[in-house]
Amino acid sequence: MFVIRLADGTLRVPQSLTSDDGRLIGNAYVEIAPGEPDYDHYLTESITEEEEATRRRRWQDENDALEQEFLAFKAEQD
């Protein structure tokens, strides 16, 4: 998950919620507006929505070879 910078300057920051024993309950985004605490910190690592979409597409496209390799490995195990 990435820090995503929206067109209006708002940041969507990933946040995880865990139980007291450390189990993951869920992942979500919280929005931080300019001027709020930690905004400047997160701004330096943020990417635009378009950059996030490009990264996702590239990962899916490049994942095909890895998936085929895994399926071949799995077939050998059966």
N, C-alpha and C. Protein backbone atom coordinates (compact mmCIF):
# COMPACT_ATOMS: atom_id res chain seq x y z
N MET A 1 0.85 -1.17 0.00
CA MET A 1 0.00 0.00 0.00
C MET A 1 0.90 1.24 0.00
N PHE A 2 0.48 2.23 -0.73
CA PHE A 2 1.25 3.45 -0.88
C PHE A 2 0.50 4.63 -0.28
N VAL A 3 1.24 5.68 0.04
CA VAL A 3 0.61 6.96 0.39
C VAL A 3 0.23 7.61 -0.93
N ILE A 4 -1.04 7.88 -1.11
CA ILE A 4 -1.54 8.40 -2.38
C ILE A 4 -1.93 9.87 -2.21
N ARG A 5 -1.39 10.70 -3.11
CA ARG A 5 -1.67 12.14 -3.11
C ARG A 5 -2.79 12.43 -4.09
N LEU A 6 -3.90 12.93 -3.59
CA LEU A 6 -5.04 13.26 -4.42
C LEU A 6 -4.85 14.63 -5.08
N ALA A 7 -5.63 14.92 -6.08
CA ALA A 7 -5.50 16.16 -6.84
C ALA A 7 -5.66 17.40 -5.96
N ASP A 8 -6.48 17.31 -4.91
CA ASP A 8 -6.69 18.48 -4.04
C ASP A 8 -5.63 18.61 -2.95
N GLY A 9 -4.62 17.72 -2.95
CA GLY A 9 -3.54 17.78 -1.97
C GLY A 9 -3.74 16.87 -0.78
N THR A 10 -4.93 16.34 -0.62
CA THR A 10 -5.19 15.40 0.47
C THR A 10 -4.37 14.14 0.25
N LEU A 11 -3.89 13.56 1.34
CA LEU A 11 -3.15 12.31 1.27
C LEU A 11 -3.99 11.17 1.81
N ARG A 12 -3.95 10.04 1.13
CA ARG A 12 -4.56 8.80 1.65
C ARG A 12 -3.41 7.96 2.17
N VAL A 13 -3.41 7.76 3.48
CA VAL A 13 -2.32 7.07 4.16
C VAL A 13 -2.80 5.70 4.62
N PRO A 14 -2.07 4.63 4.26
CA PRO A 14 -2.49 3.30 4.71
C PRO A 14 -2.36 3.16 6.22
N GLN A 15 -3.31 2.46 6.79
CA GLN A 15 -3.30 2.21 8.23
C GLN A 15 -3.83 0.82 8.48
N SER A 16 -3.15 0.08 9.34
CA SER A 16 -3.57 -1.27 9.70
C SER A 16 -4.13 -1.27 11.12
N LEU A 17 -5.12 -2.09 11.33
CA LEU A 17 -5.70 -2.27 12.66
C LEU A 17 -5.38 -3.69 13.10
N THR A 18 -4.77 -3.81 14.27
CA THR A 18 -4.43 -5.13 14.79
C THR A 18 -5.08 -5.35 16.14
N SER A 19 -5.26 -6.62 16.47
CA SER A 19 -5.83 -6.97 17.77
C SER A 19 -4.73 -6.87 18.83
N ASP A 20 -5.11 -7.00 20.08
CA ASP A 20 -4.14 -6.92 21.18
C ASP A 20 -3.05 -7.98 21.07
N ASP A 21 -3.38 -9.13 20.47
CA ASP A 21 -2.38 -10.19 20.34
C ASP A 21 -1.61 -10.11 19.02
N GLY A 22 -1.79 -9.02 18.28
CA GLY A 22 -1.00 -8.80 17.07
C GLY A 22 -1.61 -9.28 15.78
N ARG A 23 -2.78 -9.91 15.82
CA ARG A 23 -3.41 -10.38 14.59
C ARG A 23 -3.95 -9.20 13.79
N LEU A 24 -3.81 -9.28 12.49
CA LEU A 24 -4.31 -8.24 11.60
C LEU A 24 -5.83 -8.31 11.53
N ILE A 25 -6.47 -7.19 11.80
CA ILE A 25 -7.92 -7.11 11.70
C ILE A 25 -8.31 -6.55 10.33
N GLY A 26 -7.59 -5.56 9.86
CA GLY A 26 -7.90 -5.00 8.55
C GLY A 26 -6.95 -3.89 8.16
N ASN A 27 -6.97 -3.57 6.87
CA ASN A 27 -6.20 -2.48 6.31
C ASN A 27 -7.16 -1.47 5.72
N ALA A 28 -6.82 -0.21 5.84
CA ALA A 28 -7.67 0.85 5.30
C ALA A 28 -6.79 2.06 5.00
N TYR A 29 -7.40 3.07 4.42
CA TYR A 29 -6.72 4.35 4.21
C TYR A 29 -7.39 5.39 5.09
N VAL A 30 -6.58 6.28 5.66
CA VAL A 30 -7.10 7.46 6.35
C VAL A 30 -6.66 8.67 5.53
N GLU A 31 -7.47 9.71 5.51
CA GLU A 31 -7.14 10.90 4.75
C GLU A 31 -6.56 11.96 5.66
N ILE A 32 -5.46 12.57 5.21
CA ILE A 32 -4.79 13.64 5.95
C ILE A 32 -4.73 14.85 5.04
N ALA A 33 -5.27 15.96 5.51
CA ALA A 33 -5.31 17.20 4.72
C ALA A 33 -4.06 18.04 5.00
N PRO A 34 -3.72 18.92 4.07
CA PRO A 34 -2.59 19.83 4.31
C PRO A 34 -2.77 20.57 5.63
N GLY A 35 -1.68 20.70 6.39
CA GLY A 35 -1.72 21.39 7.67
C GLY A 35 -1.92 20.48 8.86
N GLU A 36 -2.37 19.24 8.62
CA GLU A 36 -2.55 18.30 9.73
C GLU A 36 -1.20 17.72 10.15
N PRO A 37 -1.13 17.24 11.40
CA PRO A 37 0.13 16.63 11.86
C PRO A 37 0.56 15.49 10.93
N ASP A 38 1.84 15.37 10.70
CA ASP A 38 2.47 14.33 9.88
C ASP A 38 2.23 14.50 8.38
N TYR A 39 1.49 15.53 7.96
CA TYR A 39 1.24 15.72 6.53
C TYR A 39 2.56 15.84 5.76
N ASP A 40 3.45 16.71 6.23
CA ASP A 40 4.71 16.93 5.51
C ASP A 40 5.55 15.66 5.44
N HIS A 41 5.52 14.87 6.50
CA HIS A 41 6.26 13.60 6.52
C HIS A 41 5.75 12.66 5.43
N TYR A 42 4.46 12.48 5.35
CA TYR A 42 3.87 11.57 4.37
C TYR A 42 3.94 12.12 2.95
N LEU A 43 3.92 13.44 2.81
CA LEU A 43 3.96 14.05 1.48
C LEU A 43 5.23 13.64 0.73
N THR A 44 6.35 13.53 1.44
CA THR A 44 7.62 13.20 0.77
C THR A 44 7.62 11.81 0.16
N GLU A 45 6.79 10.90 0.68
CA GLU A 45 6.76 9.55 0.15
C GLU A 45 5.52 9.24 -0.68
N SER A 46 4.71 10.26 -0.93
CA SER A 46 3.44 10.04 -1.63
C SER A 46 3.63 9.93 -3.14
N ILE A 47 2.67 9.25 -3.77
CA ILE A 47 2.61 9.15 -5.22
C ILE A 47 1.20 9.53 -5.65
N THR A 48 1.06 9.92 -6.91
CA THR A 48 -0.27 10.30 -7.40
C THR A 48 -1.11 9.05 -7.66
N GLU A 49 -2.40 9.25 -7.84
CA GLU A 49 -3.28 8.14 -8.17
C GLU A 49 -2.87 7.50 -9.50
N GLU A 50 -2.42 8.31 -10.45
CA GLU A 50 -1.99 7.79 -11.75
C GLU A 50 -0.73 6.94 -11.60
N GLU A 51 0.21 7.40 -10.76
CA GLU A 51 1.43 6.61 -10.53
C GLU A 51 1.09 5.28 -9.87
N GLU A 52 0.15 5.29 -8.94
CA GLU A 52 -0.26 4.05 -8.27
C GLU A 52 -0.89 3.09 -9.27
N ALA A 53 -1.74 3.61 -10.16
CA ALA A 53 -2.38 2.76 -11.17
C ALA A 53 -1.34 2.18 -12.12
N THR A 54 -0.34 2.96 -12.50
CA THR A 54 0.73 2.48 -13.38
C THR A 54 1.52 1.38 -12.70
N ARG A 55 1.85 1.57 -11.43
CA ARG A 55 2.59 0.54 -10.68
C ARG A 55 1.78 -0.76 -10.59
N ARG A 56 0.49 -0.62 -10.33
CA ARG A 56 -0.36 -1.80 -10.22
C ARG A 56 -0.43 -2.55 -11.55
N ARG A 57 -0.62 -1.80 -12.65
CA ARG A 57 -0.66 -2.43 -13.98
C ARG A 57 0.65 -3.12 -14.30
N ARG A 58 1.76 -2.44 -14.04
CA ARG A 58 3.08 -3.01 -14.32
C ARG A 58 3.30 -4.28 -13.50
N TRP A 59 2.91 -4.25 -12.22
CA TRP A 59 3.08 -5.43 -11.38
C TRP A 59 2.26 -6.59 -11.93
N GLN A 60 1.01 -6.32 -12.35
CA GLN A 60 0.16 -7.38 -12.89
C GLN A 60 0.73 -7.93 -14.19
N ASP A 61 1.22 -7.04 -15.05
CA ASP A 61 1.79 -7.47 -16.33
C ASP A 61 3.06 -8.30 -16.13
N GLU A 62 3.92 -7.84 -15.23
CA GLU A 62 5.19 -8.53 -15.00
C GLU A 62 5.03 -9.78 -14.15
N ASN A 63 3.89 -9.94 -13.52
CA ASN A 63 3.64 -11.08 -12.66
C ASN A 63 3.36 -12.35 -13.45
N ASP A 64 3.01 -12.23 -14.73
CA ASP A 64 2.64 -13.39 -15.54
C ASP A 64 3.74 -14.45 -15.56
N ALA A 65 4.98 -14.05 -15.78
CA ALA A 65 6.09 -15.00 -15.84
C ALA A 65 6.27 -15.69 -14.49
N LEU A 66 6.20 -14.94 -13.42
CA LEU A 66 6.34 -15.52 -12.09
C LEU A 66 5.21 -16.50 -11.80
N GLU A 67 4.00 -16.14 -12.20
CA GLU A 67 2.85 -17.03 -11.99
C GLU A 67 3.03 -18.34 -12.77
N GLN A 68 3.49 -18.25 -14.01
CA GLN A 68 3.72 -19.45 -14.82
C GLN A 68 4.79 -20.34 -14.18
N GLU A 69 5.83 -19.72 -13.66
CA GLU A 69 6.89 -20.48 -12.99
C GLU A 69 6.34 -21.19 -11.76
N PHE A 70 5.51 -20.50 -11.00
CA PHE A 70 4.91 -21.11 -9.82
C PHE A 70 4.00 -22.27 -10.20
N LEU A 71 3.17 -22.09 -11.22
CA LEU A 71 2.26 -23.15 -11.65
C LEU A 71 3.03 -24.38 -12.13
N ALA A 72 4.15 -24.16 -12.82
CA ALA A 72 4.97 -25.28 -13.26
C ALA A 72 5.56 -26.01 -12.05
N PHE A 73 6.04 -25.25 -11.07
CA PHE A 73 6.58 -25.84 -9.84
C PHE A 73 5.49 -26.64 -9.13
N LYS A 74 4.31 -26.06 -9.01
CA LYS A 74 3.20 -26.72 -8.33
C LYS A 74 2.83 -28.03 -9.04
N ALA A 75 2.81 -28.01 -10.37
CA ALA A 75 2.49 -29.22 -11.14
C ALA A 75 3.51 -30.32 -10.89
N GLU A 76 4.77 -29.95 -10.73
CA GLU A 76 5.80 -30.94 -10.45
C GLU A 76 5.61 -31.57 -9.07
N GLN A 77 5.05 -30.82 -8.14
CA GLN A 77 4.85 -31.32 -6.77
C GLN A 77 3.69 -32.29 -6.68
N ASP A 78 2.75 -32.24 -7.61
CA ASP A 78 1.56 -33.11 -7.57
C ASP A 78 1.82 -34.46 -8.10
